[in-house]
Amino acid sequence: MITTILLTIFYNFILAILWPIRILPDVSLPADFLASFGVIGGYLSGLNEIIPVATILTILGLILTIEGSILLYKSIKWVYQKIPGVN
């Protein structure tokens, strides 16, 4: 019962945060944009015979995670150094 209440509060909090985004009108994509996914899929299927696409995506995800962590660290360090009296 407590878990249900906490999850309901969390759900309503997320809905309140996303309210400005949810009131925006729906976006319709042009057909050419959607057709481009089929073309990309064709390129990836040819590449999948040489190197598995799952491996490429995993490596790319790891690289982006490491680079994002470094950027976050440098950003926090920069903000911390902007505090007066901190060297």
Protein backbone atom coordinates (compact mmCIF):
# COMPACT_ATOMS: atom_id res chain seq x y z
CA MET A 1 0.00 0.00 0.00
CA ILE A 2 2.84 2.40 0.81
CA THR A 3 4.60 1.39 -2.38
CA THR A 4 1.47 2.12 -4.41
CA ILE A 5 1.16 5.56 -2.84
CA LEU A 6 4.82 6.37 -3.47
CA LEU A 7 4.62 5.21 -7.08
CA THR A 8 1.44 7.25 -7.60
CA ILE A 9 3.15 10.35 -6.19
CA PHE A 10 6.18 9.73 -8.41
CA TYR A 11 3.95 9.22 -11.46
CA ASN A 12 2.02 12.41 -10.84
CA PHE A 13 5.27 14.32 -10.28
CA ILE A 14 6.60 13.15 -13.66
CA LEU A 15 3.29 14.06 -15.33
CA ALA A 16 3.47 17.56 -13.82
CA ILE A 17 7.03 18.03 -15.10
CA LEU A 18 6.12 16.82 -18.60
CA TRP A 19 2.88 18.83 -18.80
CA PRO A 20 4.33 21.64 -20.97
CA ILE A 21 5.56 19.08 -23.48
CA ARG A 22 2.30 17.11 -23.52
CA ILE A 23 0.18 20.17 -24.44
CA LEU A 24 2.14 20.71 -27.67
CA PRO A 25 0.37 19.55 -30.85
CA ASP A 26 1.30 16.26 -32.50
CA VAL A 27 3.91 16.36 -35.24
CA SER A 28 3.42 14.57 -38.54
CA LEU A 29 6.55 13.43 -40.33
CA PRO A 30 6.94 13.59 -44.10
CA ALA A 31 6.94 10.29 -46.00
CA ASP A 32 10.51 10.85 -47.22
CA PHE A 33 11.75 11.01 -43.65
CA LEU A 34 10.11 7.69 -42.80
CA ALA A 35 11.37 6.10 -46.04
CA SER A 36 14.93 7.03 -45.08
CA PHE A 37 14.78 4.49 -42.24
CA GLY A 38 14.32 1.74 -44.83
CA VAL A 39 17.37 2.96 -46.74
CA ILE A 40 19.44 3.06 -43.55
CA GLY A 41 18.26 -0.47 -42.75
CA GLY A 42 19.50 -1.63 -46.15
CA TYR A 43 22.92 -0.13 -45.52
CA LEU A 44 23.11 -1.70 -42.08
CA SER A 45 22.13 -5.14 -43.36
CA GLY A 46 25.06 -5.02 -45.79
CA LEU A 47 27.38 -3.88 -43.03
CA ASN A 48 26.04 -6.57 -40.69
CA GLU A 49 27.69 -9.26 -42.83
CA ILE A 50 31.15 -7.79 -42.12
CA ILE A 51 30.79 -6.50 -38.54
CA PRO A 52 27.71 -7.17 -36.40
CA VAL A 53 25.68 -3.98 -35.96
CA ALA A 54 25.01 -4.89 -32.32
CA THR A 55 28.77 -4.78 -31.69
CA ILE A 56 29.07 -1.38 -33.37
CA LEU A 57 26.18 0.01 -31.33
CA THR A 58 27.64 -1.38 -28.10
CA ILE A 59 31.04 0.18 -28.77
CA LEU A 60 29.42 3.47 -29.78
CA GLY A 61 27.33 3.43 -26.58
CA LEU A 62 30.42 2.84 -24.45
CA ILE A 63 32.32 5.65 -26.17
CA LEU A 64 29.41 8.07 -25.70
CA THR A 65 29.05 7.07 -22.05
CA ILE A 66 32.74 7.64 -21.35
CA GLU A 67 32.80 10.96 -23.22
CA GLY A 68 29.63 12.09 -21.45
CA SER A 69 31.12 11.17 -18.08
CA ILE A 70 34.27 13.15 -18.84
CA LEU A 71 32.20 16.15 -19.92
CA LEU A 72 30.08 15.93 -16.77
CA TYR A 73 33.20 15.70 -14.59
CA LYS A 74 34.80 18.72 -16.27
CA SER A 75 31.56 20.70 -16.01
CA ILE A 76 31.20 19.97 -12.30
CA LYS A 77 34.87 20.81 -11.76
CA TRP A 78 34.44 24.10 -13.67
CA VAL A 79 31.38 25.09 -11.61
CA TYR A 80 33.19 24.14 -8.40
CA GLN A 81 36.19 26.32 -9.32
CA LYS A 82 33.87 29.28 -9.97
CA ILE A 83 32.96 29.34 -6.25
CA PRO A 84 34.86 32.20 -4.60
CA GLY A 85 37.59 31.09 -2.23
CA VAL A 86 38.06 27.65 -3.82
CA ASN A 87 41.34 27.05 -5.65
